[in-house]
Amino acid sequence: MNFQAKDLMELVGEKKPTNPRKKFVIRLLNCIRDLRSNASLNRKQIDYLLYQIEQRDKMIDELREKNIALLSQRLSEHKPFLRLNIVA
């Protein structure tokens, strides 16, 4: 259920601000606001971490390809007539 602030204030009524129910609703609204902002921050952190993982995976793939090429080159220098297929 998605309550708006005015909906919650209607539940409390138009009583004095010292009313315990009104104080409770205000605290509840503050908690909801904090949770929403934390959820937004957490989502941004998750997106950033996923981006970092993706970049790391790309870098690992590039390094793997370079290592395979370098290994093939070194093997062909030492044993030029030996043909090898290196698979990652």
Protein backbone atom coordinates (compact mmCIF):
# COMPACT_ATOMS: atom_id res chain seq x y z
CA MET A 1 0.00 0.00 0.00
CA ASN A 2 1.37 3.40 -0.93
CA PHE A 3 0.30 6.11 1.51
CA GLN A 4 0.85 9.78 0.89
CA ALA A 5 1.57 12.17 3.76
CA LYS A 6 -1.90 13.73 3.56
CA ASP A 7 -3.53 10.27 3.79
CA LEU A 8 -1.64 9.53 6.98
CA MET A 9 -2.42 12.95 8.40
CA GLU A 10 -6.14 12.36 7.70
CA LEU A 11 -5.92 9.19 9.79
CA VAL A 12 -4.64 11.25 12.69
CA GLY A 13 -7.06 14.12 12.29
CA GLU A 14 -6.73 17.84 12.76
CA LYS A 15 -5.76 17.75 16.42
CA LYS A 16 -3.01 19.52 18.32
CA PRO A 17 0.59 18.76 17.29
CA THR A 18 1.15 17.30 20.76
CA ASN A 19 -1.23 14.48 19.98
CA PRO A 20 0.73 11.21 20.38
CA ARG A 21 -0.85 9.72 17.26
CA LYS A 22 0.20 12.71 15.19
CA LYS A 23 3.75 12.50 16.55
CA PHE A 24 3.76 8.82 15.67
CA VAL A 25 2.62 9.54 12.11
CA ILE A 26 5.29 12.21 11.72
CA ARG A 27 7.95 9.76 12.94
CA LEU A 28 6.53 7.14 10.58
CA LEU A 29 6.70 9.57 7.65
CA ASN A 30 10.29 10.42 8.53
CA CYS A 31 11.18 6.73 8.65
CA ILE A 32 9.54 6.15 5.27
CA ARG A 33 11.46 9.08 3.80
CA ASP A 34 14.74 7.75 5.22
CA LEU A 35 14.04 4.26 3.89
CA ARG A 36 13.30 5.61 0.42
CA SER A 37 16.50 7.66 0.34
CA ASN A 38 18.52 4.67 1.62
CA ALA A 39 16.95 2.43 -1.01
CA SER A 40 17.92 4.94 -3.68
CA LEU A 41 21.49 5.05 -2.40
CA ASN A 42 21.65 1.26 -2.20
CA ARG A 43 20.40 0.97 -5.78
CA LYS A 44 23.10 3.38 -6.95
CA GLN A 45 25.74 1.39 -5.05
CA ILE A 46 24.51 -1.87 -6.59
CA ASP A 47 24.58 -0.34 -10.08
CA TYR A 48 28.12 0.91 -9.48
CA LEU A 49 29.29 -2.49 -8.22
CA LEU A 50 27.72 -4.24 -11.21
CA TYR A 51 29.51 -1.79 -13.49
CA GLN A 52 32.81 -2.48 -11.72
CA ILE A 53 32.30 -6.25 -12.09
CA GLU A 54 31.56 -5.82 -15.79
CA GLN A 55 34.72 -3.73 -16.27
CA ARG A 56 36.79 -6.29 -14.36
CA ASP A 57 35.44 -9.11 -16.51
CA LYS A 58 36.34 -7.20 -19.68
CA MET A 59 39.85 -6.58 -18.37
CA ILE A 60 40.27 -10.27 -17.47
CA ASP A 61 39.17 -11.30 -20.97
CA GLU A 62 41.61 -8.86 -22.57
CA LEU A 63 44.47 -10.09 -20.38
CA ARG A 64 43.61 -13.70 -21.14
CA GLU A 65 43.72 -13.00 -24.89
CA LYS A 66 47.06 -11.17 -24.56
CA ASN A 67 48.53 -14.01 -22.48
CA ILE A 68 47.42 -16.61 -25.02
CA ALA A 69 48.91 -14.59 -27.87
CA LEU A 70 52.17 -14.11 -25.95
CA LEU A 71 52.36 -17.80 -25.04
CA SER A 72 51.75 -18.82 -28.64
CA GLN A 73 54.43 -16.41 -29.80
CA ARG A 74 56.99 -17.73 -27.29
CA LEU A 75 56.23 -21.34 -28.15
CA SER A 76 56.60 -20.66 -31.86
CA GLU A 77 59.98 -18.97 -31.21
CA HIS A 78 61.33 -21.97 -29.29
CA LYS A 79 59.80 -24.69 -31.43
CA PRO A 80 58.95 -23.15 -34.79
CA PHE A 81 57.81 -26.40 -36.39
CA LEU A 82 55.52 -27.43 -33.54
CA ARG A 83 51.97 -26.26 -34.12
CA LEU A 84 49.79 -25.91 -31.03
CA ASN A 85 46.26 -24.79 -30.55
CA ILE A 86 45.90 -23.06 -27.20
CA VAL A 87 42.40 -22.84 -25.85
CA ALA A 88 41.46 -20.66 -22.90
